[in-house]
Structures are given as structure tokens and as C-alpha cells.
Amino acid sequence: MCNTHHVLPGEIPKEIRNLMELRILDLYFNSFSGSLPMEIFNMSRLKEVYLGDNNLVGSIPHSISNCSKHTLLDLSYNKLTSLIPNSLGYLTHLQVLNLVANNLTSDSSFSFLTSLTNCRKITTLFLDLNPLDGMLPVSIGNFSTSLLKFYAQSCKINGQIPNEVGNLSSLLSLDISENNLVGSIPTSIGNLTNLQVLNLSENSLTGVIGDNVCKLQRLGNIYFGQNQLSGSLPNCLGNVTSLREIHLRSNKLNSNIPTSIGNLKDLVVLDLSSNNMGGSLPAEIGNLKVAIQMDLSMNQFSNGIPREIGGLQNLQKLSLRHNKLQGSIPDSMSNMIGLEFLDVSHNNITGIIPKSLEKLQNLKYFNVSINKLYGEIPSGSPFKNLSSQFFIYNEALCGSLRFNVPPCPTSSKHRSNGKKLLVLFLMMGIALAFVPISLVLVWIKYRGGKRAPQ
């Protein structure tokens, strides 16, 4: 069966209005140009319209209000401009609205969003990648409990997140990342008890994360990276056992990693990089058995790498660079058979590089530069293909010339030690032979001395 897609060019033909019984219009992923044809907004039975991924221009006409039976409208990935009309609020049967990646705008009060709260059946709202340039209105809390997904990534939204967002009790996904949001995470976020994905990354949010996040017992993915959040990582976060991904990089967090993190048995990704977190890495980190990525770099973590980390056999990427870690590289890390990337550079790690790490057959990146390591660099696979730059600025590493380190004095040392042992044994042999002879001579002399007076 042939699945070849033939791209259709030109304008959408006006004759489409003759298909009065049409219920689904799917012209997705073509090269249609021109403006949205008025004809499709007069087709009384039309319910689903897919016009995404074309080259349509112009505005969304106010006459769209005639499409009262529309349940789905997809105008994504076109070149539409102008204000999003408030007349969308007349589409009372609308369930899905997708306007992603156009050049659509809004007035500063987001009045179109307020009008959409009249659509009591709406479940999905995609607004990403449009220069809406305004503040989220408090009316966002008036959306029906039918709303499951709200996406407004990279829309130039400013101001604070309204507390009324906590009214969206059925919400499964909330993504308002890559905007200009300020202020704190509203405490009402804890009311979104069905939430599975929360993405507030790449904004200018301040304040603490707060324990309200811990009320989201169905939360799978949390994205708070690249904000200005401070304070501690809530200890209660370990109670949200549904968590699979935690992304908190590039904030101002300054606590320890709570030991409760070990409760997150389904956690796949943990990214706490580029914060000001400190203290010891908890041994409980070894409980994250299904984790595949862990980035704790650019912090102030101190003391040793816990040997329990060797239990993370599924881990593919581990970055501990730019911390204050001490002690040695645990030999238990040779059990991390899934490891492809390991970076412990820019620390105060001492001791040798365990030869047992040669067992890590999947390892492609291994950086221990700028530490206090000494001894021989392992030469077996996977070390055969590693750059010499990964070993620079250590105390006294030696090994193969391709690592730009001096050769290890192992062989000459063994020969020297062998010679010393041979001399020692010879001297002991001579000594053992000489002692009895000396005793005999002393005895003979003694006996001779006793006979002399006769």
C-alpha cells in the first residue's frame, strides 16, 4: 500500500462550499497559500477543520463565529497575523483549538482568552509560538473543568501567574515556559491535583518552590529550570512518587539534596545543575535504579561520591563537574554498565582511576580533568578512544603517551625490586652459612685454649 503524500499548492478552492454535507476537512501538511477561505465558515455541518502546516496568510475572520458546530480547529504552522478574534467564544462546541506557530497577537488584556471561557467543552488549547504580548487574565480561572491541556510556550507573556489558575482542577498539562513571567509560583498550584506535566521553565520567577507542589500526587514531569527560584528543594518532594523527570537547572537553590529523593523509584531524569546546592550527596541517590540521566554539576557539593551510586546500572549520563567533591572515585562505579557519559572534572578528587572502570563498555565520554588524581590511566576499552584533554591538570597521572602523560615507572621498578630481593636473599644465605662456621671456629679455639696448660 502506497503512503506517499502529494503536497497540494495554490489557494484552497472556493468550490469547497458545495460540499455542504462535509463534516471533516483535512488539508493538513500541504502548500496552500492565500487567506482562510470564507466558504469553510459557512458549511453548517463541518465539525473538524485541519489546515495546519500550510502557507496561509491574513487574519482569522470574525465570521468564524458562524462555525458553531466546530469541535476542532487546527490552524497551526501557518503565517496568520493580526489579533485573535473574540468571536472564537461563539464556538460553543469547540473542544480543541490549535493556533501554534503563527504570528497572531492579542490585546494586553488577553480578551480572546476571556471569550474562550464561554466554550464549556474545550479540552485542549494550543497557543505556543505566537507573539501574544500581554498578561494572563484572572479570567483564566473561569475555564470549564473540561480543560485538560493549556500550552502557551514562547508567547511573550509577562506579569505574574494569576492565582486563579488553581481553579483549573481537571488540568493535566500546563506549559507557560519561555515567557517573561515574574513573581512567585502561586500557592494555588497545589489545587491542580490531576496535573501530570508542569512547565514554568525559562521565565523570571522568584521565591521558593514551596510545599504546595508536593500536593500534586500525579505529577510526572516538573520543569522549573532557568528561573531565579531560591531556597531549598522541598523535602516533601520525595512523597510525589509519580515523578519521572525533575528539571531545576539554572536557579538559585541553596539546600542539600533531601534524603527523601531516594523514594522516587520511577525517576528517570534529575537535573539540579547550575544552582548553589551543597552538602554531601546522599547515599539514597543509589535508590534511583531506573534513572538514565543525572546532572548535579555547577553546585557546591562536597565530601565523597557515595559508593551506593554504583547501583545505578541504567544510568547513561552522570555529570558531577564543578563541585567540591573529595575522596576517591568509588570502585563500585564499575557496576554502572549503562554509563555513556561521566564527568567529574573540576573537583578535589584524589586517589587512582580504578582499573575496574574498563568494564564500562558503553563509556564514550570520561572527564576527570582538574582534580588530584595520580597513578596509571587505564588503557583497556573504553579508554582507548578518550581524549588526553579529559585527564589534564591532575597530581601525577601516568600511562600511555597518547594521554600526554609520562610513562608509568612500573616495569623498571619491578626489575629494581627484583634485584634488591636477589641481593637480600644472597646475603641471608651467606649469613646462614657463615654463622655455623663461626660457631665451630669459636668452639675449636675454646677447646684449644683449655688444653694449653698440660
Protein backbone atom coordinates (compact mmCIF):
# COMPACT_ATOMS: atom_id res chain seq x y z
CA MET A 1 0.00 0.00 0.00
CA CYS A 2 1.41 3.39 -1.02
CA ASN A 3 1.53 6.08 1.71
CA THR A 4 3.07 8.82 -0.45
CA HIS A 5 1.73 12.26 0.47
CA HIS A 6 1.17 14.58 -2.50
CA VAL A 7 1.58 18.22 -1.45
CA LEU A 8 -1.16 20.43 -2.87
CA PRO A 9 -0.24 24.01 -3.86
CA GLY A 10 -2.24 27.15 -4.59
CA GLU A 11 -5.30 28.55 -2.84
CA ILE A 12 -7.99 26.42 -1.25
CA PRO A 13 -10.66 26.27 -3.99
CA LYS A 14 -13.89 28.18 -3.34
CA GLU A 15 -15.86 25.25 -4.74
CA ILE A 16 -15.33 23.55 -1.41
CA ARG A 17 -18.52 25.32 -0.30
CA ASN A 18 -20.50 22.88 -2.47
CA LEU A 19 -19.60 20.05 -0.06
CA MET A 20 -22.39 21.03 2.29
CA GLU A 21 -22.54 17.59 3.99
CA LEU A 22 -18.81 17.59 4.79
CA ARG A 23 -18.08 17.00 8.46
CA ILE A 24 -14.25 16.71 8.45
CA LEU A 25 -11.93 18.83 6.31
CA ASP A 26 -8.33 17.64 6.45
CA LEU A 27 -5.89 19.66 4.32
CA TYR A 28 -3.05 19.34 6.80
CA PHE A 29 0.57 19.50 5.62
CA ASN A 30 0.23 20.97 2.15
CA SER A 31 1.38 24.19 0.49
CA PHE A 32 -1.92 26.02 0.36
CA SER A 33 -1.49 29.79 0.30
CA GLY A 34 -3.74 32.81 0.37
CA SER A 35 -6.16 33.72 3.14
CA LEU A 36 -8.56 31.48 5.04
CA PRO A 37 -11.49 30.86 2.65
CA MET A 38 -14.73 32.34 3.97
CA GLU A 39 -16.58 29.44 2.38
CA ILE A 40 -15.50 26.93 5.01
CA PHE A 41 -17.02 29.10 7.73
CA ASN A 42 -20.46 28.77 6.11
CA MET A 43 -20.50 24.97 5.97
CA SER A 44 -23.09 24.26 8.62
CA ARG A 45 -22.27 20.59 9.20
CA LEU A 46 -18.48 20.96 9.34
CA LYS A 47 -17.11 19.86 12.72
CA GLU A 48 -13.37 19.29 12.35
CA VAL A 49 -11.01 21.51 10.32
CA TYR A 50 -7.34 20.63 9.84
CA LEU A 51 -5.47 23.37 7.97
CA GLY A 52 -2.15 23.12 9.83
CA ASP A 53 1.26 23.16 8.12
CA ASN A 54 0.38 25.30 5.12
CA ASN A 55 1.27 28.83 4.00
CA LEU A 56 -2.00 30.57 4.82
CA VAL A 57 -1.81 34.31 5.47
CA GLY A 58 -4.06 37.09 6.72
CA SER A 59 -6.24 37.09 9.82
CA ILE A 60 -8.77 34.78 11.41
CA PRO A 61 -12.06 36.37 10.25
CA HIS A 62 -14.75 37.38 12.75
CA SER A 63 -17.23 35.37 10.69
CA ILE A 64 -15.73 32.29 12.27
CA SER A 65 -18.49 32.79 14.81
CA ASN A 66 -20.82 31.09 12.26
CA CYS A 67 -18.99 27.78 12.84
CA SER A 68 -20.97 26.98 15.94
CA LYS A 69 -20.72 23.22 15.39
CA HIS A 70 -16.91 23.16 15.17
CA THR A 71 -15.39 20.78 17.68
CA LEU A 72 -11.81 21.04 16.37
CA LEU A 73 -9.98 23.90 14.65
CA ASP A 74 -6.31 23.44 13.70
CA LEU A 75 -4.66 26.47 12.03
CA SER A 76 -1.16 25.72 13.34
CA TYR A 77 2.11 26.35 11.46
CA ASN A 78 0.83 28.94 9.02
CA LYS A 79 1.58 32.66 8.57
CA LEU A 80 -1.57 34.11 10.08
CA THR A 81 -1.36 37.59 11.57
CA SER A 82 -3.44 40.17 13.43
CA LEU A 83 -5.50 39.87 16.62
CA ILE A 84 -7.07 36.58 17.64
CA PRO A 85 -10.78 37.42 17.37
CA ASN A 86 -13.07 37.31 20.40
CA SER A 87 -15.69 35.70 18.15
CA LEU A 88 -13.97 32.35 18.86
CA GLY A 89 -16.04 32.41 22.03
CA TYR A 90 -19.15 31.63 19.94
CA LEU A 91 -17.82 28.18 19.05
CA THR A 92 -19.67 26.66 21.97
CA HIS A 93 -18.98 23.07 20.89
CA LEU A 94 -15.24 23.65 20.45
CA GLN A 95 -13.06 21.04 22.15
CA VAL A 96 -9.63 21.57 20.55
CA LEU A 97 -8.11 24.86 19.33
CA ASN A 98 -4.62 24.77 17.82
CA LEU A 99 -3.07 28.10 16.77
CA VAL A 100 0.59 27.12 17.28
CA ALA A 101 3.38 28.87 15.34
CA ASN A 102 1.70 31.76 13.60
CA ASN A 103 2.19 35.49 14.07
CA LEU A 104 -1.05 36.07 15.94
CA THR A 105 -1.37 38.75 18.61
CA SER A 106 -3.71 39.78 21.40
CA ASP A 107 -4.69 42.94 23.19
CA SER A 108 -2.91 43.47 26.50
CA SER A 109 -5.84 42.05 28.49
CA PHE A 110 -5.97 38.76 26.52
CA SER A 111 -9.68 39.36 25.83
CA PHE A 112 -9.76 36.49 23.31
CA LEU A 113 -8.83 34.14 26.17
CA THR A 114 -11.67 35.53 28.26
CA SER A 115 -14.06 34.93 25.35
CA LEU A 116 -12.90 31.31 25.05
CA THR A 117 -14.10 30.63 28.60
CA ASN A 118 -17.60 30.51 27.02
CA CYS A 119 -16.53 27.30 25.27
CA ARG A 120 -17.62 24.99 28.06
CA LYS A 121 -16.50 21.82 26.28
CA ILE A 122 -12.95 22.87 25.45
CA THR A 123 -10.29 20.35 26.48
CA THR A 124 -7.15 21.48 24.63
CA LEU A 125 -5.78 24.95 23.93
CA PHE A 126 -2.51 25.32 21.99
CA LEU A 127 -1.22 28.91 21.66
CA ASP A 128 2.55 28.28 21.52
CA LEU A 129 4.91 30.40 19.43
CA ASN A 130 2.69 33.43 18.87
CA PRO A 131 3.72 36.96 19.98
CA LEU A 132 0.64 37.49 22.16
CA ASP A 133 2.47 40.02 24.32
CA GLY A 134 0.23 40.53 27.34
CA MET A 135 -0.65 39.32 30.83
CA LEU A 136 -2.61 36.22 31.67
CA PRO A 137 -6.04 37.44 32.84
CA VAL A 138 -7.65 36.32 36.08
CA SER A 139 -10.48 35.06 33.86
CA ILE A 140 -8.27 32.06 33.06
CA GLY A 141 -9.80 30.58 36.20
CA ASN A 142 -13.23 30.66 34.51
CA PHE A 143 -12.40 27.94 32.03
CA SER A 144 -14.60 24.92 32.33
CA THR A 145 -13.34 21.99 34.33
CA SER A 146 -13.23 20.25 30.93
CA LEU A 147 -9.88 21.99 30.15
CA LEU A 148 -7.15 19.34 30.23
CA LYS A 149 -4.23 20.95 28.37
CA PHE A 150 -3.11 24.59 28.24
CA TYR A 151 0.02 25.37 26.20
CA ALA A 152 1.34 28.91 25.74
CA GLN A 153 5.08 28.41 25.33
CA SER A 154 7.11 31.33 23.96
CA CYS A 155 4.23 33.81 23.65
CA LYS A 156 5.88 36.89 25.22
CA ILE A 157 3.52 36.65 28.19
CA ASN A 158 4.52 38.97 31.03
CA GLY A 159 3.36 39.75 34.55
CA GLN A 160 2.52 37.24 37.23
CA ILE A 161 0.80 33.87 37.07
CA PRO A 162 -2.71 34.62 38.37
CA ASN A 163 -3.73 32.75 41.49
CA GLU A 164 -6.96 31.80 39.67
CA VAL A 165 -5.00 29.22 37.68
CA GLY A 166 -5.68 26.96 40.66
CA ASN A 167 -9.34 26.73 39.57
CA LEU A 168 -8.44 24.51 36.60
CA SER A 169 -8.97 21.38 38.65
CA SER A 170 -9.04 18.94 35.70
CA LEU A 171 -5.83 20.22 34.10
CA LEU A 172 -3.35 17.51 33.07
CA SER A 173 -0.70 19.67 31.37
CA LEU A 174 0.29 23.31 31.92
CA ASP A 175 3.08 24.78 29.79
CA ILE A 176 3.77 28.51 30.00
CA SER A 177 7.53 28.22 29.55
CA GLU A 178 9.85 30.60 27.70
CA ASN A 179 7.92 33.75 28.57
CA ASN A 180 8.60 36.82 30.71
CA LEU A 181 6.68 35.77 33.82
CA VAL A 182 7.72 37.28 37.15
CA GLY A 183 6.75 36.87 40.79
CA SER A 184 6.36 33.63 42.68
CA ILE A 185 4.73 30.32 41.86
CA PRO A 186 1.15 30.76 43.12
CA THR A 187 0.27 28.64 46.14
CA SER A 188 -2.98 27.68 44.40
CA ILE A 189 -0.91 25.45 42.10
CA GLY A 190 -1.41 22.81 44.77
CA ASN A 191 -5.10 22.61 43.78
CA LEU A 192 -4.25 21.09 40.38
CA THR A 193 -4.31 17.60 41.80
CA ASN A 194 -4.67 15.93 38.38
CA LEU A 195 -1.65 17.70 36.90
CA GLN A 196 0.89 15.45 35.20
CA VAL A 197 3.15 17.99 33.42
CA LEU A 198 4.07 21.41 34.84
CA ASN A 199 6.40 23.54 32.72
CA LEU A 200 7.33 27.00 34.02
CA SER A 201 10.92 26.98 32.72
CA GLU A 202 12.76 29.91 31.15
CA ASN A 203 10.93 32.73 32.89
CA SER A 204 11.98 35.13 35.66
CA LEU A 205 10.10 33.54 38.55
CA THR A 206 11.40 34.23 42.07
CA GLY A 207 10.72 32.97 45.59
CA VAL A 208 10.73 29.38 46.78
CA ILE A 209 9.33 26.24 45.17
CA GLY A 210 7.17 25.64 48.23
CA ASP A 211 5.46 22.57 49.63
CA ASN A 212 2.30 23.15 47.55
CA VAL A 213 3.96 21.32 44.65
CA CYS A 214 4.03 18.22 46.84
CA LYS A 215 0.21 18.09 46.72
CA LEU A 216 0.40 17.15 43.03
CA GLN A 217 0.42 13.42 43.61
CA ARG A 218 0.01 12.60 39.90
CA LEU A 219 2.81 14.85 38.72
CA GLY A 220 5.17 13.12 36.29
CA ASN A 221 7.34 15.91 34.87
CA ILE A 222 8.33 19.17 36.54
CA TYR A 223 10.21 21.86 34.59
CA PHE A 224 11.29 24.91 36.62
CA GLY A 225 14.70 25.43 35.01
CA GLN A 226 16.20 28.80 34.12
CA ASN A 227 14.34 30.95 36.62
CA GLN A 228 15.50 32.71 39.78
CA LEU A 229 13.96 30.37 42.33
CA SER A 230 15.79 30.23 45.67
CA GLY A 231 15.65 28.41 48.99
CA SER A 232 15.55 24.68 49.44
CA LEU A 233 14.36 21.70 47.49
CA PRO A 234 11.22 20.69 49.42
CA ASN A 235 11.81 17.57 51.49
CA CYS A 236 8.23 16.52 50.73
CA LEU A 237 9.09 16.24 47.02
CA GLY A 238 10.14 12.70 47.81
CA ASN A 239 6.48 11.94 48.55
CA VAL A 240 5.46 12.65 44.94
CA THR A 241 6.36 9.13 43.90
CA SER A 242 4.81 9.58 40.43
CA LEU A 243 7.69 11.88 39.41
CA ARG A 244 9.69 10.78 36.39
CA GLU A 245 11.56 13.96 35.46
CA ILE A 246 12.80 16.85 37.64
CA HIS A 247 14.34 19.81 35.79
CA LEU A 248 15.53 22.61 38.11
CA ARG A 249 18.75 23.78 36.42
CA SER A 250 19.96 27.37 36.48
CA ASN A 251 18.19 28.68 39.56
CA LYS A 252 19.44 29.88 42.95
CA LEU A 253 18.57 26.86 45.08
CA ASN A 254 20.92 26.54 48.06
CA SER A 255 19.95 23.47 50.07
CA ASN A 256 21.15 19.90 50.33
CA ILE A 257 19.55 17.16 48.28
CA PRO A 258 16.96 15.74 50.71
CA THR A 259 17.40 12.06 51.52
CA SER A 260 13.72 11.59 50.60
CA ILE A 261 14.81 11.80 46.94
CA GLY A 262 15.51 8.09 47.27
CA ASN A 263 11.74 7.43 47.42
CA LEU A 264 11.33 8.39 43.75
CA LYS A 265 11.74 4.87 42.41
CA ASP A 266 10.40 5.81 38.93
CA LEU A 267 12.61 8.89 38.44
CA VAL A 268 14.29 8.87 35.03
CA VAL A 269 15.86 12.37 34.88
CA LEU A 270 17.26 14.50 37.73
CA ASP A 271 18.73 17.87 36.71
CA LEU A 272 19.81 20.18 39.55
CA SER A 273 22.73 21.74 37.67
CA SER A 274 23.87 25.36 37.97
CA ASN A 275 22.46 26.13 41.40
CA ASN A 276 24.14 26.79 44.73
CA MET A 277 23.28 23.49 46.38
CA GLY A 278 25.74 21.96 48.84
CA GLY A 279 26.41 19.33 51.46
CA SER A 280 27.02 15.65 50.82
CA LEU A 281 25.47 13.64 48.04
CA PRO A 282 23.03 11.38 49.92
CA ALA A 283 23.58 7.63 49.79
CA GLU A 284 19.86 7.34 48.96
CA ILE A 285 20.70 8.55 45.46
CA GLY A 286 21.58 4.92 44.82
CA ASN A 287 17.87 4.03 45.08
CA LEU A 288 17.07 5.74 41.75
CA LYS A 289 17.50 2.45 39.89
CA VAL A 290 15.70 3.43 36.66
CA ALA A 291 17.37 6.83 36.25
CA ILE A 292 19.09 7.35 32.91
CA GLN A 293 20.27 10.96 33.32
CA MET A 294 21.59 12.81 36.38
CA ASP A 295 23.16 16.27 36.21
CA LEU A 296 24.36 17.71 39.54
CA SER A 297 27.08 19.89 38.03
CA MET A 298 27.92 23.52 38.85
CA ASN A 299 26.98 23.37 42.54
CA GLN A 300 28.83 23.27 45.87
CA PHE A 301 28.50 19.58 46.73
CA SER A 302 31.32 18.36 48.99
CA ASN A 303 32.68 15.19 50.63
CA GLY A 304 32.87 11.95 48.68
CA ILE A 305 30.95 10.33 45.86
CA PRO A 306 28.77 7.75 47.68
CA ARG A 307 29.64 4.16 46.77
CA GLU A 308 25.87 3.46 46.53
CA ILE A 309 25.89 5.33 43.21
CA GLY A 310 27.30 2.15 41.70
CA GLY A 311 23.82 0.63 41.89
CA LEU A 312 22.57 2.87 39.06
CA GLN A 313 23.08 0.35 36.28
CA ASN A 314 20.65 2.08 33.89
CA LEU A 315 22.28 5.50 34.21
CA GLN A 316 23.62 6.74 30.87
CA LYS A 317 24.72 10.26 31.78
CA LEU A 318 26.23 11.45 35.06
CA SER A 319 27.71 14.92 35.47
CA LEU A 320 29.28 15.99 38.78
CA ARG A 321 31.66 18.59 37.33
CA HIS A 322 32.41 21.90 39.02
CA ASN A 323 31.71 20.93 42.62
CA LYS A 324 33.89 20.50 45.71
CA LEU A 325 33.84 16.71 45.84
CA GLN A 326 36.69 14.94 47.64
CA GLY A 327 37.77 11.36 48.27
CA SER A 328 38.32 8.80 45.55
CA ILE A 329 36.35 7.50 42.59
CA PRO A 330 34.39 4.58 44.08
CA ASP A 331 35.32 1.21 42.63
CA SER A 332 31.57 0.44 42.69
CA MET A 333 31.12 2.74 39.68
CA SER A 334 32.40 -0.12 37.55
CA ASN A 335 28.93 -1.66 38.03
CA MET A 336 27.27 1.22 36.16
CA ILE A 337 27.19 -0.78 32.93
CA GLY A 338 24.83 1.61 31.10
CA LEU A 339 27.11 4.63 31.56
CA GLU A 340 27.97 6.52 28.36
CA PHE A 341 28.91 9.92 29.80
CA LEU A 342 30.76 10.57 33.07
CA ASP A 343 32.14 13.97 34.03
CA VAL A 344 33.73 14.55 37.44
CA SER A 345 36.09 17.33 36.31
CA HIS A 346 36.82 20.47 38.37
CA ASN A 347 36.66 18.83 41.82
CA ASN A 348 39.16 17.80 44.51
CA ILE A 349 39.03 14.06 43.88
CA THR A 350 42.14 12.10 44.89
CA GLY A 351 43.45 8.55 44.52
CA ILE A 352 43.69 6.46 41.38
CA ILE A 353 41.35 5.86 38.45
CA PRO A 354 40.00 2.36 39.22
CA LYS A 355 41.13 -0.12 36.57
CA SER A 356 37.78 -1.84 37.03
CA LEU A 357 36.18 1.03 35.03
CA GLU A 358 37.47 -0.76 31.94
CA LYS A 359 34.30 -2.87 32.29
CA LEU A 360 32.16 0.10 31.19
CA GLN A 361 31.96 -0.89 27.54
CA ASN A 362 29.39 1.84 26.66
CA LEU A 363 31.50 4.69 28.04
CA LYS A 364 32.24 7.29 25.35
CA TYR A 365 32.96 10.38 27.47
CA PHE A 366 35.02 10.27 30.68
CA ASN A 367 36.38 13.56 32.03
CA VAL A 368 38.42 13.66 35.25
CA SER A 369 40.46 16.78 34.44
CA ILE A 370 41.36 19.33 37.12
CA ASN A 371 41.42 17.02 40.15
CA LYS A 372 44.18 15.48 42.32
CA LEU A 373 44.38 12.02 40.79
CA TYR A 374 47.57 10.00 40.45
CA GLY A 375 48.67 6.63 39.20
CA GLU A 376 48.11 4.83 35.91
CA ILE A 377 45.35 5.77 33.47
CA PRO A 378 43.61 2.51 32.48
CA SER A 379 44.39 1.58 28.89
CA GLY A 380 41.75 -1.02 28.10
CA SER A 381 38.43 -0.43 26.39
CA PRO A 382 36.74 2.08 26.59
CA PHE A 383 39.79 4.22 27.46
CA LYS A 384 41.35 3.55 24.04
CA ASN A 385 39.35 6.30 22.36
CA LEU A 386 39.37 9.02 25.04
CA SER A 387 40.96 12.43 24.54
CA SER A 388 44.03 13.45 26.52
CA GLN A 389 42.17 16.64 27.47
CA PHE A 390 40.00 14.56 29.82
CA PHE A 391 42.99 13.89 32.12
CA ILE A 392 44.85 17.21 32.26
CA TYR A 393 45.71 19.10 35.45
CA ASN A 394 45.90 16.24 37.90
CA GLU A 395 48.54 15.42 40.51
CA ALA A 396 50.56 12.59 39.00
CA LEU A 397 48.75 10.57 36.34
CA CYS A 398 50.88 8.36 34.11
CA GLY A 399 50.32 5.88 31.34
CA SER A 400 50.14 5.74 27.56
CA LEU A 401 51.84 8.52 25.59
CA ARG A 402 48.58 9.29 23.76
CA PHE A 403 47.24 10.76 27.02
CA ASN A 404 50.15 13.25 27.08
CA VAL A 405 51.30 11.95 30.48
CA PRO A 406 54.67 10.46 31.47
CA PRO A 407 55.00 6.68 31.25
CA CYS A 408 54.44 4.81 34.48
CA PRO A 409 57.71 3.54 36.10
CA THR A 410 56.10 0.14 36.69
CA SER A 411 58.45 -2.17 34.72
CA SER A 412 61.78 -0.62 35.84
CA LYS A 413 60.54 -0.53 39.38
CA HIS A 414 59.78 -4.24 39.25
CA ARG A 415 63.29 -5.01 37.88
CA SER A 416 64.84 -2.86 40.59
CA ASN A 417 62.79 -4.55 43.26
CA GLY A 418 63.75 -7.96 41.86
CA LYS A 419 67.47 -7.13 42.04
CA LYS A 420 67.11 -5.90 45.60
CA LEU A 421 65.35 -9.10 46.61
CA LEU A 422 68.04 -11.24 44.96
CA VAL A 423 70.84 -9.43 46.82
CA LEU A 424 68.88 -9.75 50.05
CA PHE A 425 68.42 -13.50 49.61
CA LEU A 426 72.14 -13.97 48.80
CA MET A 427 73.16 -12.04 51.87
CA MET A 428 70.78 -14.07 54.00
CA GLY A 429 72.20 -17.29 52.52
CA ILE A 430 75.78 -16.21 53.24
CA ALA A 431 74.78 -15.18 56.72
CA LEU A 432 73.10 -18.51 57.40
CA ALA A 433 76.19 -20.39 56.14
CA PHE A 434 78.65 -18.15 57.99
CA VAL A 435 77.04 -18.40 61.43
CA PRO A 436 77.57 -22.22 61.93
CA ILE A 437 81.19 -21.99 60.68
CA SER A 438 81.89 -19.16 63.07
CA LEU A 439 80.47 -21.15 65.94
CA VAL A 440 82.66 -24.17 65.06
CA LEU A 441 85.81 -21.98 64.93
CA VAL A 442 84.97 -20.41 68.26
CA TRP A 443 84.45 -23.87 69.80
CA ILE A 444 87.78 -25.18 68.41
CA LYS A 445 89.59 -22.13 69.73
CA TYR A 446 87.92 -22.56 73.07
CA ARG A 447 88.90 -26.24 73.32
CA GLY A 448 92.46 -25.49 72.25
CA GLY A 449 92.75 -22.85 74.97
CA LYS A 450 91.69 -25.37 77.65
CA ARG A 451 94.44 -27.90 76.65
CA ALA A 452 97.39 -25.46 76.62
CA PRO A 453 98.49 -25.83 80.36
CA GLN A 454 99.09 -29.58 80.00
